[in-house]
Amino acid sequence: MIRIIGRKRETFPITGQATIGAVVKELRLQESSYITLKNGLPVTSDEPVSVNDEIVFMEVFSGG
């Protein structure tokens, strides 16, 4: 399962094997705007993803 948490909240199924980078491109996310967690741990764009994984893209907010 893929979840996006931030200004928009969406959930998507994982349909096959890929990498985090491929998922980011497919979802049209700006990678630098999100912290990516796989099964609760931070990962980089080259991390493989499978249908049993829980992927969360948490949007980074800043301001004052």
Protein backbone atom coordinates (compact mmCIF):
# COMPACT_ATOMS: atom_id res chain seq x y z
CA MET A 1 0.00 0.00 0.00
CA ILE A 2 1.20 3.50 -0.84
CA ARG A 3 0.01 6.46 1.21
CA ILE A 4 0.64 10.15 0.56
CA ILE A 5 0.34 12.35 3.65
CA GLY A 6 0.43 16.13 3.35
CA ARG A 7 -1.70 18.76 1.67
CA LYS A 8 -3.34 15.91 -0.18
CA ARG A 9 -4.05 12.50 1.33
CA GLU A 10 -4.27 9.61 -1.07
CA THR A 11 -3.86 5.84 -0.97
CA PHE A 12 -2.82 3.56 -3.82
CA PRO A 13 -2.18 -0.18 -4.12
CA ILE A 14 1.25 -1.45 -5.11
CA THR A 15 0.75 -3.32 -8.37
CA GLY A 16 4.16 -4.91 -8.86
CA GLN A 17 7.84 -4.63 -8.14
CA ALA A 18 9.54 -1.28 -8.71
CA THR A 19 11.82 1.17 -6.93
CA ILE A 20 10.85 4.17 -4.83
CA GLY A 21 12.15 6.38 -7.64
CA ALA A 22 9.84 4.70 -10.17
CA VAL A 23 6.86 5.12 -7.83
CA VAL A 24 7.69 8.82 -7.36
CA LYS A 25 7.73 9.31 -11.14
CA GLU A 26 4.50 7.34 -11.62
CA LEU A 27 2.70 9.41 -8.97
CA ARG A 28 4.25 12.64 -10.32
CA LEU A 29 5.63 13.66 -6.94
CA GLN A 30 8.54 16.03 -6.40
CA GLU A 31 10.94 13.75 -4.53
CA SER A 32 12.60 16.57 -2.57
CA SER A 33 9.21 17.55 -1.09
CA TYR A 34 8.64 14.21 0.67
CA ILE A 35 10.24 11.96 3.25
CA THR A 36 9.76 8.39 2.13
CA LEU A 37 9.22 5.54 4.58
CA LYS A 38 9.15 1.84 3.70
CA ASN A 39 7.67 -0.32 6.43
CA GLY A 40 8.30 2.53 8.91
CA LEU A 41 11.95 3.19 7.99
CA PRO A 42 13.37 6.04 5.86
CA VAL A 43 14.58 4.95 2.40
CA THR A 44 16.19 6.39 -0.73
CA SER A 45 14.93 6.37 -4.32
CA ASP A 46 16.87 3.22 -5.28
CA GLU A 47 15.08 1.09 -2.64
CA PRO A 48 13.05 -1.78 -4.17
CA VAL A 49 9.31 -1.95 -3.48
CA SER A 50 7.09 -5.05 -3.53
CA VAL A 51 3.35 -5.64 -3.08
CA ASN A 52 3.74 -6.54 0.62
CA ASP A 53 5.42 -3.23 1.55
CA GLU A 54 3.85 -0.23 3.26
CA ILE A 55 5.14 2.94 1.59
CA VAL A 56 4.44 6.38 3.03
CA PHE A 57 5.31 9.69 1.38
CA MET A 58 5.21 12.37 4.08
CA GLU A 59 5.22 15.90 2.71
CA VAL A 60 7.84 18.22 4.18
CA PHE A 61 6.50 21.57 5.41
CA SER A 62 8.52 24.60 6.41
CA GLY A 63 7.72 28.10 7.40
CA GLY A 64 7.66 30.40 10.30
